[in-house]
Amino acid sequence: MIVLDENILDGQRVLLEAWGIAVRQIGADLAGKGIPDEKIAIELQWLRKATFFTRDAGFFRRELCHRRYAIVVLNVR
């Protein structure tokens, strides 16, 4: 399952959905807006094979690594 951080533009979510990719977004489908990074990591542990995409460099931390999910930190404008 693809999980998008709330900082990913809505147009990207729409594009993924148009391609038939199952996608959820923090603040819209999972958890609440403004949830702390550590709480997102806990939420991801409950999902099956989640890949979390974010633009938040704060997720580039070893202590957030876990075998139940993957984190992709995008360094883009």
N, C-alpha and C. Protein backbone atom coordinates (compact mmCIF):
# COMPACT_ATOMS: atom_id res chain seq x y z
N MET A 1 0.84 -1.17 0.00
CA MET A 1 0.00 0.00 0.00
C MET A 1 0.89 1.24 0.00
N ILE A 2 0.53 2.20 -0.80
CA ILE A 2 1.24 3.47 -0.84
C ILE A 2 0.57 4.42 0.15
N VAL A 3 1.37 5.04 1.00
CA VAL A 3 0.88 6.03 1.96
C VAL A 3 1.63 7.33 1.68
N LEU A 4 0.89 8.39 1.46
CA LEU A 4 1.47 9.70 1.20
C LEU A 4 1.39 10.57 2.45
N ASP A 5 2.46 11.30 2.70
CA ASP A 5 2.44 12.26 3.80
C ASP A 5 1.51 13.40 3.39
N GLU A 6 1.09 14.18 4.36
CA GLU A 6 0.19 15.30 4.04
C GLU A 6 0.89 16.38 3.24
N ASN A 7 2.23 16.35 3.17
CA ASN A 7 2.96 17.36 2.41
C ASN A 7 3.12 17.00 0.92
N ILE A 8 2.55 15.88 0.49
CA ILE A 8 2.55 15.50 -0.92
C ILE A 8 1.34 16.17 -1.57
N LEU A 9 1.55 16.80 -2.70
CA LEU A 9 0.49 17.54 -3.39
C LEU A 9 -0.67 16.63 -3.77
N ASP A 10 -1.88 17.16 -3.67
CA ASP A 10 -3.09 16.39 -3.96
C ASP A 10 -3.10 15.87 -5.39
N GLY A 11 -2.53 16.62 -6.31
CA GLY A 11 -2.48 16.18 -7.71
C GLY A 11 -1.72 14.88 -7.88
N GLN A 12 -0.73 14.65 -7.06
CA GLN A 12 0.04 13.40 -7.12
C GLN A 12 -0.82 12.21 -6.68
N ARG A 13 -1.62 12.44 -5.66
CA ARG A 13 -2.53 11.38 -5.20
C ARG A 13 -3.55 11.05 -6.28
N VAL A 14 -4.11 12.08 -6.90
CA VAL A 14 -5.10 11.87 -7.96
C VAL A 14 -4.48 11.08 -9.12
N LEU A 15 -3.25 11.40 -9.47
CA LEU A 15 -2.56 10.70 -10.55
C LEU A 15 -2.36 9.22 -10.22
N LEU A 16 -1.92 8.94 -9.01
CA LEU A 16 -1.75 7.54 -8.60
C LEU A 16 -3.06 6.78 -8.63
N GLU A 17 -4.12 7.41 -8.15
CA GLU A 17 -5.44 6.76 -8.17
C GLU A 17 -5.90 6.51 -9.60
N ALA A 18 -5.62 7.43 -10.51
CA ALA A 18 -6.00 7.27 -11.92
C ALA A 18 -5.28 6.08 -12.54
N TRP A 19 -4.09 5.78 -12.07
CA TRP A 19 -3.32 4.64 -12.54
C TRP A 19 -3.76 3.34 -11.87
N GLY A 20 -4.72 3.40 -10.97
CA GLY A 20 -5.22 2.21 -10.30
C GLY A 20 -4.38 1.76 -9.12
N ILE A 21 -3.57 2.66 -8.58
CA ILE A 21 -2.71 2.33 -7.44
C ILE A 21 -3.44 2.65 -6.15
N ALA A 22 -3.47 1.69 -5.24
CA ALA A 22 -4.10 1.91 -3.93
C ALA A 22 -3.25 2.89 -3.14
N VAL A 23 -3.83 3.99 -2.76
CA VAL A 23 -3.09 5.04 -2.06
C VAL A 23 -3.92 5.61 -0.93
N ARG A 24 -3.26 5.91 0.18
CA ARG A 24 -3.87 6.56 1.32
C ARG A 24 -3.01 7.77 1.66
N GLN A 25 -3.59 8.74 2.35
CA GLN A 25 -2.84 9.94 2.69
C GLN A 25 -3.06 10.32 4.15
N ILE A 26 -1.95 10.69 4.80
CA ILE A 26 -2.02 11.16 6.18
C ILE A 26 -2.87 12.43 6.20
N GLY A 27 -3.75 12.52 7.15
CA GLY A 27 -4.60 13.69 7.28
C GLY A 27 -5.93 13.56 6.55
N ALA A 28 -5.97 12.72 5.53
CA ALA A 28 -7.21 12.51 4.79
C ALA A 28 -7.80 11.13 5.08
N ASP A 29 -6.98 10.10 4.99
CA ASP A 29 -7.44 8.73 5.18
C ASP A 29 -6.88 8.08 6.44
N LEU A 30 -5.70 8.49 6.84
CA LEU A 30 -5.02 7.90 7.99
C LEU A 30 -4.64 8.99 8.97
N ALA A 31 -4.85 8.73 10.24
CA ALA A 31 -4.45 9.66 11.30
C ALA A 31 -5.05 11.04 11.06
N GLY A 32 -4.57 12.02 11.80
CA GLY A 32 -5.07 13.37 11.66
C GLY A 32 -4.02 14.31 11.10
N LYS A 33 -4.46 15.45 10.63
CA LYS A 33 -3.51 16.45 10.13
C LYS A 33 -2.59 16.89 11.25
N GLY A 34 -1.32 17.08 10.91
CA GLY A 34 -0.36 17.58 11.87
C GLY A 34 0.14 16.54 12.87
N ILE A 35 -0.13 15.27 12.61
CA ILE A 35 0.32 14.21 13.51
C ILE A 35 1.86 14.21 13.57
N PRO A 36 2.45 14.02 14.74
CA PRO A 36 3.92 14.00 14.85
C PRO A 36 4.53 12.82 14.08
N ASP A 37 5.76 12.99 13.61
CA ASP A 37 6.44 11.97 12.83
C ASP A 37 6.47 10.61 13.54
N GLU A 38 6.74 10.60 14.82
CA GLU A 38 6.83 9.36 15.57
C GLU A 38 5.49 8.61 15.57
N LYS A 39 4.40 9.35 15.59
CA LYS A 39 3.07 8.73 15.57
C LYS A 39 2.78 8.15 14.19
N ILE A 40 3.28 8.79 13.14
CA ILE A 40 3.10 8.25 11.79
C ILE A 40 3.79 6.90 11.70
N ALA A 41 4.99 6.81 12.24
CA ALA A 41 5.73 5.54 12.22
C ALA A 41 4.93 4.44 12.91
N ILE A 42 4.27 4.76 14.00
CA ILE A 42 3.45 3.78 14.71
C ILE A 42 2.26 3.36 13.86
N GLU A 43 1.62 4.33 13.21
CA GLU A 43 0.48 4.02 12.33
C GLU A 43 0.92 3.10 11.18
N LEU A 44 2.10 3.34 10.63
CA LEU A 44 2.59 2.52 9.51
C LEU A 44 2.80 1.07 9.91
N GLN A 45 3.13 0.83 11.17
CA GLN A 45 3.35 -0.53 11.64
C GLN A 45 2.08 -1.37 11.58
N TRP A 46 0.92 -0.74 11.64
CA TRP A 46 -0.35 -1.46 11.62
C TRP A 46 -0.79 -1.81 10.20
N LEU A 47 -0.16 -1.20 9.21
CA LEU A 47 -0.54 -1.45 7.82
C LEU A 47 0.28 -2.60 7.25
N ARG A 48 -0.24 -3.22 6.23
CA ARG A 48 0.46 -4.34 5.61
C ARG A 48 1.29 -3.85 4.44
N LYS A 49 2.59 -4.07 4.51
CA LYS A 49 3.53 -3.72 3.43
C LYS A 49 3.36 -2.29 2.95
N ALA A 50 3.39 -1.35 3.84
CA ALA A 50 3.22 0.06 3.50
C ALA A 50 4.53 0.68 3.02
N THR A 51 4.42 1.52 2.02
CA THR A 51 5.54 2.35 1.57
C THR A 51 5.09 3.79 1.74
N PHE A 52 5.79 4.52 2.61
CA PHE A 52 5.42 5.88 2.98
C PHE A 52 6.29 6.86 2.21
N PHE A 53 5.65 7.77 1.47
CA PHE A 53 6.35 8.80 0.71
C PHE A 53 6.17 10.14 1.40
N THR A 54 7.27 10.86 1.58
CA THR A 54 7.23 12.15 2.25
C THR A 54 8.29 13.08 1.65
N ARG A 55 8.10 14.37 1.87
CA ARG A 55 9.11 15.38 1.52
C ARG A 55 9.80 15.90 2.77
N ASP A 56 9.45 15.35 3.90
CA ASP A 56 9.96 15.77 5.21
C ASP A 56 11.28 15.05 5.50
N ALA A 57 12.39 15.77 5.44
CA ALA A 57 13.71 15.18 5.68
C ALA A 57 13.84 14.65 7.11
N GLY A 58 12.94 15.02 8.00
CA GLY A 58 12.95 14.52 9.37
C GLY A 58 12.73 13.02 9.45
N PHE A 59 12.21 12.41 8.39
CA PHE A 59 12.02 10.97 8.37
C PHE A 59 13.29 10.22 7.99
N PHE A 60 14.32 10.95 7.63
CA PHE A 60 15.59 10.32 7.27
C PHE A 60 16.40 10.09 8.54
N ARG A 61 15.82 9.25 9.42
CA ARG A 61 16.45 8.95 10.72
C ARG A 61 16.42 7.45 10.95
N ARG A 62 17.52 6.93 11.41
CA ARG A 62 17.65 5.49 11.64
C ARG A 62 16.60 4.96 12.62
N GLU A 63 16.27 5.72 13.65
CA GLU A 63 15.34 5.21 14.66
C GLU A 63 13.91 5.02 14.13
N LEU A 64 13.61 5.55 12.96
CA LEU A 64 12.29 5.35 12.36
C LEU A 64 12.24 4.12 11.45
N CYS A 65 13.38 3.47 11.25
CA CYS A 65 13.43 2.26 10.41
C CYS A 65 12.68 1.12 11.08
N HIS A 66 11.98 0.34 10.26
CA HIS A 66 11.24 -0.80 10.78
C HIS A 66 11.02 -1.78 9.64
N ARG A 67 10.97 -3.05 9.94
CA ARG A 67 10.81 -4.05 8.88
C ARG A 67 9.40 -4.13 8.32
N ARG A 68 8.43 -3.51 8.98
CA ARG A 68 7.04 -3.60 8.53
C ARG A 68 6.66 -2.53 7.51
N TYR A 69 7.52 -1.56 7.26
CA TYR A 69 7.21 -0.52 6.28
C TYR A 69 8.49 0.03 5.67
N ALA A 70 8.33 0.75 4.57
CA ALA A 70 9.45 1.44 3.92
C ALA A 70 9.14 2.93 3.92
N ILE A 71 10.19 3.72 4.04
CA ILE A 71 10.04 5.18 3.98
C ILE A 71 10.85 5.70 2.80
N VAL A 72 10.21 6.51 1.97
CA VAL A 72 10.87 7.14 0.83
C VAL A 72 10.82 8.64 1.08
N VAL A 73 11.99 9.24 1.24
CA VAL A 73 12.07 10.69 1.44
C VAL A 73 12.43 11.32 0.10
N LEU A 74 11.53 12.14 -0.43
CA LEU A 74 11.73 12.78 -1.72
C LEU A 74 12.39 14.13 -1.54
N ASN A 75 13.49 14.35 -2.22
CA ASN A 75 14.20 15.62 -2.18
C ASN A 75 13.91 16.36 -3.49
N VAL A 76 12.69 16.89 -3.59
CA VAL A 76 12.23 17.57 -4.80
C VAL A 76 11.60 18.91 -4.44
N ARG A 77 11.44 19.76 -5.41
CA ARG A 77 10.78 21.05 -5.18
C ARG A 77 9.29 20.89 -5.05
